[in-house]
């Protein structure tokens, strides 16, 4: 799956769970936090790819 699509997908899932949490479904808060963690991981991986790409361009 494309990195950007993965981030967008996790964001949509987070929004849905956060909305449920706002309506009083307590377990949705746990799922929302899980999606936030996935977003953080995906963003860090993408950040590392971008940084690696920049370093490769600089060395050539």
N, C-alpha and C. Protein backbone atom coordinates (compact mmCIF):
# COMPACT_ATOMS: atom_id res chain seq x y z
N UNK A 1 0.84 -1.18 0.00
CA UNK A 1 0.00 0.00 0.00
C UNK A 1 0.89 1.25 0.00
N UNK A 2 0.48 2.22 -0.71
CA UNK A 2 1.20 3.48 -0.78
C UNK A 2 1.24 4.15 0.60
N UNK A 3 2.36 4.78 0.90
CA UNK A 3 2.54 5.41 2.22
C UNK A 3 1.48 6.47 2.50
N UNK A 4 1.19 7.28 1.49
CA UNK A 4 0.21 8.35 1.67
C UNK A 4 -1.19 7.77 1.88
N UNK A 5 -1.51 6.73 1.13
CA UNK A 5 -2.81 6.08 1.29
C UNK A 5 -2.93 5.47 2.68
N UNK A 6 -1.85 4.90 3.17
CA UNK A 6 -1.86 4.31 4.51
C UNK A 6 -2.12 5.37 5.56
N UNK A 7 -1.46 6.51 5.45
CA UNK A 7 -1.68 7.60 6.40
C UNK A 7 -3.12 8.10 6.34
N UNK A 8 -3.64 8.28 5.13
CA UNK A 8 -5.02 8.76 4.97
C UNK A 8 -6.02 7.75 5.54
N UNK A 9 -5.77 6.48 5.28
CA UNK A 9 -6.65 5.43 5.79
C UNK A 9 -6.68 5.42 7.32
N UNK A 10 -5.50 5.47 7.93
CA UNK A 10 -5.42 5.49 9.39
C UNK A 10 -6.09 6.74 9.96
N UNK A 11 -5.95 7.85 9.27
CA UNK A 11 -6.57 9.10 9.73
C UNK A 11 -8.09 8.98 9.71
N UNK A 12 -8.63 8.40 8.64
CA UNK A 12 -10.08 8.22 8.56
C UNK A 12 -10.58 7.28 9.65
N UNK A 13 -9.84 6.20 9.90
CA UNK A 13 -10.22 5.28 10.97
C UNK A 13 -10.17 5.97 12.32
N UNK A 14 -9.13 6.79 12.52
CA UNK A 14 -9.02 7.54 13.77
C UNK A 14 -10.21 8.47 13.95
N UNK A 15 -10.56 9.21 12.89
CA UNK A 15 -11.69 10.15 12.97
C UNK A 15 -12.98 9.43 13.35
N UNK A 16 -13.21 8.27 12.75
CA UNK A 16 -14.43 7.52 13.05
C UNK A 16 -14.46 7.08 14.51
N UNK A 17 -13.34 6.55 14.99
CA UNK A 17 -13.29 6.08 16.38
C UNK A 17 -13.38 7.24 17.36
N UNK A 18 -12.76 8.36 17.01
CA UNK A 18 -12.81 9.52 17.90
C UNK A 18 -14.23 10.07 17.99
N UNK A 19 -14.95 10.03 16.88
CA UNK A 19 -16.35 10.47 16.89
C UNK A 19 -17.18 9.57 17.80
N UNK A 20 -16.94 8.27 17.74
CA UNK A 20 -17.65 7.33 18.62
C UNK A 20 -17.31 7.61 20.08
N UNK A 21 -16.03 7.90 20.33
CA UNK A 21 -15.59 8.22 21.68
C UNK A 21 -16.29 9.47 22.19
N UNK A 22 -16.44 10.45 21.33
CA UNK A 22 -17.11 11.69 21.69
C UNK A 22 -18.58 11.49 22.03
N UNK A 23 -19.17 10.43 21.48
CA UNK A 23 -20.58 10.13 21.77
C UNK A 23 -20.73 9.23 23.00
N UNK A 24 -19.60 8.90 23.63
CA UNK A 24 -19.68 8.17 24.89
C UNK A 24 -19.25 6.71 24.83
N UNK A 25 -18.80 6.23 23.71
CA UNK A 25 -18.32 4.85 23.62
C UNK A 25 -16.87 4.82 24.08
N UNK A 26 -16.67 4.39 25.32
CA UNK A 26 -15.35 4.48 25.93
C UNK A 26 -14.30 3.62 25.23
N UNK A 27 -14.66 2.42 24.78
CA UNK A 27 -13.70 1.53 24.13
C UNK A 27 -13.18 2.12 22.82
N UNK A 28 -13.95 3.01 22.21
CA UNK A 28 -13.52 3.66 20.97
C UNK A 28 -12.29 4.53 21.23
N UNK A 29 -12.11 5.00 22.44
CA UNK A 29 -10.94 5.78 22.78
C UNK A 29 -9.67 4.95 22.66
N UNK A 30 -9.75 3.69 23.06
CA UNK A 30 -8.61 2.78 22.93
C UNK A 30 -8.28 2.56 21.46
N UNK A 31 -9.31 2.33 20.66
CA UNK A 31 -9.08 2.12 19.22
C UNK A 31 -8.55 3.40 18.57
N UNK A 32 -9.03 4.55 19.00
CA UNK A 32 -8.54 5.82 18.46
C UNK A 32 -7.06 6.00 18.77
N UNK A 33 -6.66 5.68 19.99
CA UNK A 33 -5.25 5.78 20.36
C UNK A 33 -4.39 4.81 19.54
N UNK A 34 -4.93 3.63 19.27
CA UNK A 34 -4.21 2.65 18.44
C UNK A 34 -3.97 3.23 17.04
N UNK A 35 -5.00 3.87 16.48
CA UNK A 35 -4.84 4.46 15.15
C UNK A 35 -3.84 5.61 15.18
N UNK A 36 -3.84 6.39 16.24
CA UNK A 36 -2.85 7.46 16.37
C UNK A 36 -1.43 6.89 16.42
N UNK A 37 -1.26 5.78 17.11
CA UNK A 37 0.06 5.14 17.16
C UNK A 37 0.47 4.67 15.78
N UNK A 38 -0.48 4.09 15.01
CA UNK A 38 -0.18 3.65 13.65
C UNK A 38 0.18 4.83 12.75
N UNK A 39 -0.50 5.95 12.95
CA UNK A 39 -0.20 7.16 12.19
C UNK A 39 1.22 7.63 12.51
N UNK A 40 1.56 7.60 13.78
CA UNK A 40 2.90 8.02 14.20
C UNK A 40 3.97 7.14 13.56
N UNK A 41 3.76 5.82 13.57
CA UNK A 41 4.73 4.89 12.99
C UNK A 41 4.87 5.12 11.49
N UNK A 42 3.74 5.24 10.80
CA UNK A 42 3.76 5.44 9.35
C UNK A 42 4.45 6.76 8.99
N UNK A 43 4.16 7.80 9.76
CA UNK A 43 4.77 9.10 9.51
C UNK A 43 6.29 9.03 9.73
N UNK A 44 6.73 8.33 10.75
CA UNK A 44 8.16 8.19 11.02
C UNK A 44 8.84 7.42 9.90
N UNK A 45 8.21 6.35 9.42
CA UNK A 45 8.78 5.58 8.32
C UNK A 45 8.88 6.43 7.06
N UNK A 46 7.84 7.18 6.78
CA UNK A 46 7.85 8.05 5.61
C UNK A 46 8.91 9.13 5.76
N UNK A 47 9.05 9.67 6.94
CA UNK A 47 10.07 10.68 7.21
C UNK A 47 11.46 10.11 6.96
N UNK A 48 11.70 8.88 7.42
CA UNK A 48 12.99 8.24 7.22
C UNK A 48 13.26 7.99 5.73
N UNK A 49 12.24 7.59 4.98
CA UNK A 49 12.40 7.38 3.54
C UNK A 49 12.77 8.69 2.84
N UNK A 50 12.09 9.75 3.21
CA UNK A 50 12.37 11.05 2.60
C UNK A 50 13.80 11.50 2.93
N UNK A 51 14.18 11.34 4.18
CA UNK A 51 15.53 11.74 4.60
C UNK A 51 16.58 10.90 3.88
N UNK A 52 16.32 9.59 3.76
CA UNK A 52 17.26 8.72 3.05
C UNK A 52 17.38 9.10 1.59
N UNK A 53 16.28 9.45 0.98
CA UNK A 53 16.27 9.87 -0.41
C UNK A 53 17.08 11.14 -0.59
N UNK A 54 16.93 12.08 0.33
CA UNK A 54 17.68 13.33 0.26
C UNK A 54 19.18 13.07 0.39
N UNK A 55 19.56 12.15 1.27
CA UNK A 55 20.97 11.85 1.47
C UNK A 55 21.56 11.18 0.23
N UNK A 56 20.78 10.31 -0.42
CA UNK A 56 21.24 9.66 -1.64
C UNK A 56 21.46 10.69 -2.74
N UNK A 57 20.56 11.65 -2.87
CA UNK A 57 20.69 12.70 -3.90
C UNK A 57 21.92 13.55 -3.63
N UNK A 58 22.20 13.83 -2.38
CA UNK A 58 23.35 14.66 -2.03
C UNK A 58 24.66 13.96 -2.31
N UNK A 59 24.68 12.63 -2.16
CA UNK A 59 25.92 11.89 -2.35
C UNK A 59 26.22 11.62 -3.82
N UNK A 60 25.26 11.78 -4.70
CA UNK A 60 25.51 11.55 -6.13
C UNK A 60 25.82 12.80 -6.87
